[in-house]
N, C-alpha and C. Protein backbone atom coordinates (compact mmCIF):
# COMPACT_ATOMS: atom_id res chain seq x y z
N MET A 1 -24.57 -9.51 13.77
CA MET A 1 -23.19 -9.91 13.37
C MET A 1 -22.70 -8.81 12.80
N ALA A 2 -21.40 -8.81 13.47
CA ALA A 2 -20.42 -7.55 12.95
C ALA A 2 -19.69 -7.63 11.63
N LYS A 3 -19.93 -7.08 10.97
CA LYS A 3 -18.99 -7.00 9.64
C LYS A 3 -17.45 -7.09 9.95
N THR A 4 -16.56 -7.79 9.43
CA THR A 4 -15.25 -8.19 9.05
C THR A 4 -14.56 -6.89 8.38
N LYS A 5 -13.59 -5.92 9.51
CA LYS A 5 -12.60 -4.70 8.60
C LYS A 5 -11.64 -6.03 8.12
N ILE A 6 -10.78 -4.68 7.27
CA ILE A 6 -9.72 -4.67 7.28
C ILE A 6 -8.49 -3.66 7.59
N LYS A 7 -7.28 -3.90 8.70
CA LYS A 7 -6.55 -3.08 9.32
C LYS A 7 -5.82 -2.31 8.39
N VAL A 8 -5.86 -1.56 7.99
CA VAL A 8 -5.01 -0.67 6.94
C VAL A 8 -3.72 -0.29 6.95
N LYS A 9 -2.51 0.08 6.80
CA LYS A 9 -1.31 1.26 6.84
C LYS A 9 -0.44 1.31 6.27
N VAL A 10 -1.23 2.75 5.45
CA VAL A 10 -0.37 3.57 4.39
C VAL A 10 0.56 4.09 4.46
N ARG A 11 1.88 3.94 4.14
CA ARG A 11 2.94 5.26 5.28
C ARG A 11 3.36 5.79 3.71
N ASP A 12 4.71 6.69 3.28
CA ASP A 12 5.80 6.83 2.83
C ASP A 12 6.82 6.49 3.40
N THR A 13 8.05 7.36 2.62
CA THR A 13 8.72 7.47 3.37
C THR A 13 9.36 7.97 4.53
N GLU A 14 8.19 9.05 4.53
CA GLU A 14 8.46 9.73 5.79
C GLU A 14 7.24 10.20 7.13
N ASN A 15 6.37 9.86 6.79
CA ASN A 15 4.70 9.36 7.50
C ASN A 15 3.61 8.27 6.86
N ILE A 16 2.83 8.43 7.96
CA ILE A 16 1.63 7.58 8.00
C ILE A 16 0.76 8.45 7.34
N ILE A 17 -0.17 7.86 6.44
CA ILE A 17 -0.57 8.55 5.19
C ILE A 17 -1.91 8.14 5.75
N PHE A 18 -2.41 6.75 6.25
CA PHE A 18 -3.38 6.40 6.28
C PHE A 18 -3.16 5.35 7.45
N ASP A 19 -4.40 5.32 8.54
CA ASP A 19 -3.95 4.06 9.53
C ASP A 19 -5.04 3.84 9.94
N GLY A 20 -6.18 2.68 10.02
CA GLY A 20 -7.69 2.61 9.58
C GLY A 20 -8.41 1.14 9.37
N ASP A 21 -9.26 1.02 9.78
CA ASP A 21 -10.10 -0.01 9.12
C ASP A 21 -10.97 0.21 8.03
N VAL A 22 -11.52 -0.72 6.95
CA VAL A 22 -11.88 -0.64 6.18
C VAL A 22 -12.25 -1.79 5.09
N GLU A 23 -13.50 -1.88 4.49
CA GLU A 23 -14.38 -3.07 3.92
C GLU A 23 -13.62 -3.39 2.27
N ARG A 24 -12.60 -2.45 2.05
CA ARG A 24 -12.37 -2.95 0.70
C ARG A 24 -11.59 -2.07 0.03
N ILE A 25 -10.35 -2.69 -0.79
CA ILE A 25 -9.19 -1.67 -0.87
C ILE A 25 -9.12 -2.15 -2.62
N SER A 26 -8.95 -0.94 -3.25
CA SER A 26 -8.80 -1.50 -4.86
C SER A 26 -7.59 -1.03 -5.17
N SER A 27 -7.19 -1.34 -6.72
CA SER A 27 -5.66 -0.81 -6.88
C SER A 27 -5.73 -1.93 -8.31
N PHE A 28 -4.10 -1.73 -8.39
CA PHE A 28 -3.89 -1.91 -9.63
C PHE A 28 -2.88 -2.39 -10.01
N ASN A 29 -2.20 -3.78 -10.57
CA ASN A 29 -0.94 -4.45 -10.29
C ASN A 29 -0.78 -5.02 -11.52
N GLU A 30 0.55 -5.64 -12.13
CA GLU A 30 0.62 -5.52 -13.87
C GLU A 30 0.08 -6.83 -14.12
N VAL A 31 -1.46 -7.16 -13.51
CA VAL A 31 -1.91 -8.01 -14.06
C VAL A 31 -3.26 -7.57 -14.33
N GLY A 32 -3.57 -6.77 -14.21
CA GLY A 32 -4.68 -5.34 -14.06
C GLY A 32 -5.41 -5.00 -12.73
N PRO A 33 -6.27 -4.72 -12.53
CA PRO A 33 -6.86 -4.18 -11.77
C PRO A 33 -7.59 -5.28 -10.47
N PHE A 34 -7.56 -5.13 -9.55
CA PHE A 34 -8.11 -5.99 -8.54
C PHE A 34 -8.60 -5.80 -7.18
N ASP A 35 -9.19 -6.15 -6.31
CA ASP A 35 -9.64 -5.52 -4.63
C ASP A 35 -9.03 -6.66 -3.82
N VAL A 36 -9.12 -6.13 -2.61
CA VAL A 36 -8.97 -6.68 -1.49
C VAL A 36 -10.03 -6.82 -0.60
N TYR A 37 -10.36 -7.68 -0.14
CA TYR A 37 -11.54 -7.86 0.82
C TYR A 37 -11.12 -8.62 2.22
N PRO A 38 -12.17 -8.93 3.17
CA PRO A 38 -11.49 -8.73 4.75
C PRO A 38 -11.47 -10.68 3.90
N MET A 39 -10.98 -11.40 4.47
CA MET A 39 -10.51 -12.76 4.82
C MET A 39 -9.81 -13.35 3.33
N HIS A 40 -8.71 -11.66 2.34
CA HIS A 40 -8.17 -12.19 0.90
C HIS A 40 -6.84 -13.12 1.57
N ALA A 41 -6.49 -13.86 0.41
CA ALA A 41 -5.23 -14.60 0.66
C ALA A 41 -4.27 -13.74 0.58
N ASN A 42 -3.04 -14.21 1.36
CA ASN A 42 -2.13 -13.55 1.55
C ASN A 42 -1.69 -13.29 0.65
N PHE A 43 -0.74 -12.24 -0.02
CA PHE A 43 0.52 -11.71 -1.09
C PHE A 43 0.56 -10.78 -0.65
N ILE A 44 2.63 -10.32 -1.44
CA ILE A 44 2.52 -9.27 -1.05
C ILE A 44 2.60 -8.88 -2.98
N SER A 45 2.69 -7.83 -3.50
CA SER A 45 2.81 -7.25 -4.69
C SER A 45 2.80 -5.72 -4.83
N VAL A 46 3.47 -5.72 -6.17
CA VAL A 46 3.57 -4.18 -6.09
C VAL A 46 2.56 -3.57 -7.08
N ILE A 47 1.65 -2.27 -6.71
CA ILE A 47 0.71 -2.36 -6.88
C ILE A 47 1.11 -0.72 -7.48
N GLN A 48 -0.21 -0.36 -9.10
CA GLN A 48 0.40 1.32 -8.98
C GLN A 48 -1.01 1.49 -9.39
N ASN A 49 -0.23 3.09 -10.25
CA ASN A 49 -1.75 4.21 -10.64
C ASN A 49 -2.72 4.56 -9.32
N ASN A 50 -3.49 3.54 -8.48
CA ASN A 50 -4.26 3.87 -8.04
C ASN A 50 -4.74 3.26 -6.91
N LEU A 51 -4.74 3.73 -5.69
CA LEU A 51 -5.40 2.96 -4.37
C LEU A 51 -5.68 3.45 -3.71
N ALA A 52 -7.33 2.71 -3.90
CA ALA A 52 -8.69 3.31 -3.21
C ALA A 52 -8.80 2.35 -1.98
N LEU A 53 -9.57 3.37 -0.94
CA LEU A 53 -10.28 2.79 0.10
C LEU A 53 -11.57 2.95 0.39
N TYR A 54 -11.91 1.82 0.87
CA TYR A 54 -13.61 2.16 0.45
C TYR A 54 -14.46 1.71 2.64
N GLN A 55 -15.50 2.63 2.70
CA GLN A 55 -15.82 1.99 3.79
C GLN A 55 -17.70 2.75 3.34
N ASP A 56 -17.62 0.80 4.09
CA ASP A 56 -19.99 1.59 4.30
C ASP A 56 -19.91 2.50 2.84
N HIS A 57 -19.32 1.73 1.84
CA HIS A 57 -19.74 1.51 0.58
C HIS A 57 -19.26 2.71 -0.10
N LYS A 58 -18.31 3.59 0.66
CA LYS A 58 -17.81 4.95 0.02
C LYS A 58 -16.58 4.96 0.22
N LYS A 59 -16.42 5.60 -1.04
CA LYS A 59 -14.77 5.95 -0.69
C LYS A 59 -14.66 6.96 0.18
N VAL A 60 -13.33 6.16 1.57
CA VAL A 60 -12.92 7.25 1.74
C VAL A 60 -11.45 7.80 1.88
N LYS A 61 -10.85 7.27 1.13
CA LYS A 61 -9.14 7.26 1.00
C LYS A 61 -9.06 7.08 -1.28
N ASP A 62 -8.77 8.34 -2.12
CA ASP A 62 -8.56 7.83 -2.84
C ASP A 62 -6.85 8.14 -3.55
N MET A 63 -5.99 7.62 -4.02
CA MET A 63 -4.23 8.31 -3.96
C MET A 63 -4.37 7.78 -5.59
N LYS A 64 -4.05 8.88 -5.96
CA LYS A 64 -2.91 8.42 -7.41
C LYS A 64 -1.31 8.02 -6.91
N ILE A 65 -1.21 6.79 -7.58
CA ILE A 65 0.08 6.63 -6.98
C ILE A 65 1.28 6.06 -8.44
N GLU A 66 2.69 6.04 -8.05
CA GLU A 66 3.46 5.61 -9.55
C GLU A 66 3.36 3.66 -9.15
N LYS A 67 3.99 3.69 -7.73
CA LYS A 67 4.34 2.20 -7.52
C LYS A 67 4.25 2.42 -6.05
N ALA A 68 3.84 1.51 -5.96
CA ALA A 68 4.35 1.07 -4.37
C ALA A 68 3.89 -0.43 -4.21
N ILE A 69 4.29 -0.93 -2.98
CA ILE A 69 4.40 -2.63 -2.51
C ILE A 69 3.08 -2.65 -1.38
N MET A 70 2.27 -3.46 -1.37
CA MET A 70 0.85 -4.27 -0.74
C MET A 70 1.54 -5.46 -0.23
N LYS A 71 1.58 -5.52 0.90
CA LYS A 71 1.86 -6.50 1.53
C LYS A 71 0.07 -6.25 2.59
N VAL A 72 -0.35 -7.92 1.85
CA VAL A 72 -1.35 -8.60 2.62
C VAL A 72 -1.62 -10.22 3.49
N LYS A 73 -1.49 -9.86 5.41
CA LYS A 73 -1.79 -10.93 5.58
C LYS A 73 -2.38 -10.89 7.06
N LYS A 74 -3.49 -11.36 7.11
CA LYS A 74 -4.59 -11.97 7.96
C LYS A 74 -5.33 -10.85 7.88
N ASP A 75 -5.77 -10.10 6.85
CA ASP A 75 -6.89 -8.84 7.29
C ASP A 75 -5.84 -7.50 7.93
N LEU A 76 -4.93 -7.99 7.52
CA LEU A 76 -4.14 -6.61 7.90
C LEU A 76 -2.81 -6.69 6.64
N VAL A 77 -3.08 -4.85 5.82
CA VAL A 77 -2.78 -4.59 5.27
C VAL A 77 -1.89 -3.74 5.08
N GLN A 78 -0.17 -4.02 4.64
CA GLN A 78 0.57 -2.57 4.88
C GLN A 78 0.91 -1.97 2.99
N ILE A 79 0.63 -0.96 3.18
CA ILE A 79 1.02 -0.22 2.07
C ILE A 79 2.44 0.56 2.21
N PHE A 80 3.39 0.67 1.56
CA PHE A 80 4.46 1.14 1.16
C PHE A 80 5.01 2.29 -0.08
N LEU A 81 4.71 3.05 0.67
CA LEU A 81 4.61 4.40 -0.98
C LEU A 81 6.30 4.65 -0.58
N GLY A 82 6.77 4.76 -1.78
CA GLY A 82 8.22 5.07 -2.21
C GLY A 82 9.17 5.04 -2.33
N ILE A 83 8.90 3.39 -2.36
CA ILE A 83 10.15 2.49 -2.32
C ILE A 83 10.77 2.25 -3.20
N GLU A 84 10.58 2.53 -4.37
CA GLU A 84 11.33 3.13 -5.11
C GLU A 84 12.79 4.17 -5.30
N ALA A 85 11.86 5.26 -4.89
CA ALA A 85 13.33 6.51 -4.35
C ALA A 85 14.31 5.81 -3.41
N LEU A 86 13.80 4.96 -2.69
CA LEU A 86 14.35 4.69 -1.26
C LEU A 86 15.58 3.37 -1.92
N VAL A 87 15.72 2.56 -2.53
CA VAL A 87 16.49 1.74 -3.68
C VAL A 87 17.14 2.75 -4.55
N ILE A 88 16.97 3.30 -4.86
CA ILE A 88 17.68 4.03 -5.66
C ILE A 88 18.89 5.16 -4.96
N GLU A 89 18.38 5.43 -3.84
CA GLU A 89 18.94 6.08 -2.82
C GLU A 89 20.50 5.11 -2.38
N ASP A 90 19.62 4.28 -1.68
CA ASP A 90 20.65 3.26 -1.47
C ASP A 90 21.67 3.07 -2.30
N ILE A 91 21.16 2.21 -3.25
CA ILE A 91 22.21 2.22 -4.60
C ILE A 91 23.40 3.39 -4.66
N ASN A 92 22.63 4.75 -4.79
CA ASN A 92 23.43 5.85 -4.79
C ASN A 92 24.64 6.52 -3.67
N GLU A 93 24.18 5.62 -2.83
CA GLU A 93 24.93 5.67 -1.54
C GLU A 93 26.40 4.88 -1.23
N LYS A 94 26.25 3.77 -1.82
CA LYS A 94 27.30 2.87 -1.92
C LYS A 94 27.94 2.53 -2.88
N ALA A 95 27.37 3.67 -4.13
CA ALA A 95 28.21 3.33 -5.03
C ALA A 95 29.04 5.22 -4.70
N ASN A 96 28.50 5.84 -4.07
CA ASN A 96 29.41 7.42 -3.99
C ASN A 96 29.31 7.56 -2.39
N PRO A 97 30.22 7.48 -1.47
CA PRO A 97 29.72 7.02 0.01
C PRO A 97 30.23 8.03 0.48
N LYS A 98 29.49 9.03 1.33
CA LYS A 98 30.09 10.99 1.68
C LYS A 98 31.07 10.93 2.90
N LYS A 99 31.75 11.63 2.07
CA LYS A 99 33.82 11.30 2.90
C LYS A 99 32.61 12.63 4.29
N THR A 100 33.70 12.29 5.54
CA THR A 100 33.21 13.17 6.32
C THR A 100 34.53 13.26 6.40
């Protein structure tokens, strides 16, 4: 029987940092540490501190993060890094529009 995998895409404001299949994702949110496995319930959360991706019981990616958004839906996980900076830039641009 084939193992079920989770499709993960991690991106920042300019690049895709990771795009592949994993068997587990570990991170932290305001409640504490948590893991996402295949067939996990759908949810959206702000994550912080660390993001670890595992394949074949080994850590394949380990990132220290300040804050990010994690969206889990039907074994597809999207993680958006640098969201806070985008919001701040949008607010500043609206308050101080560039004159051309």
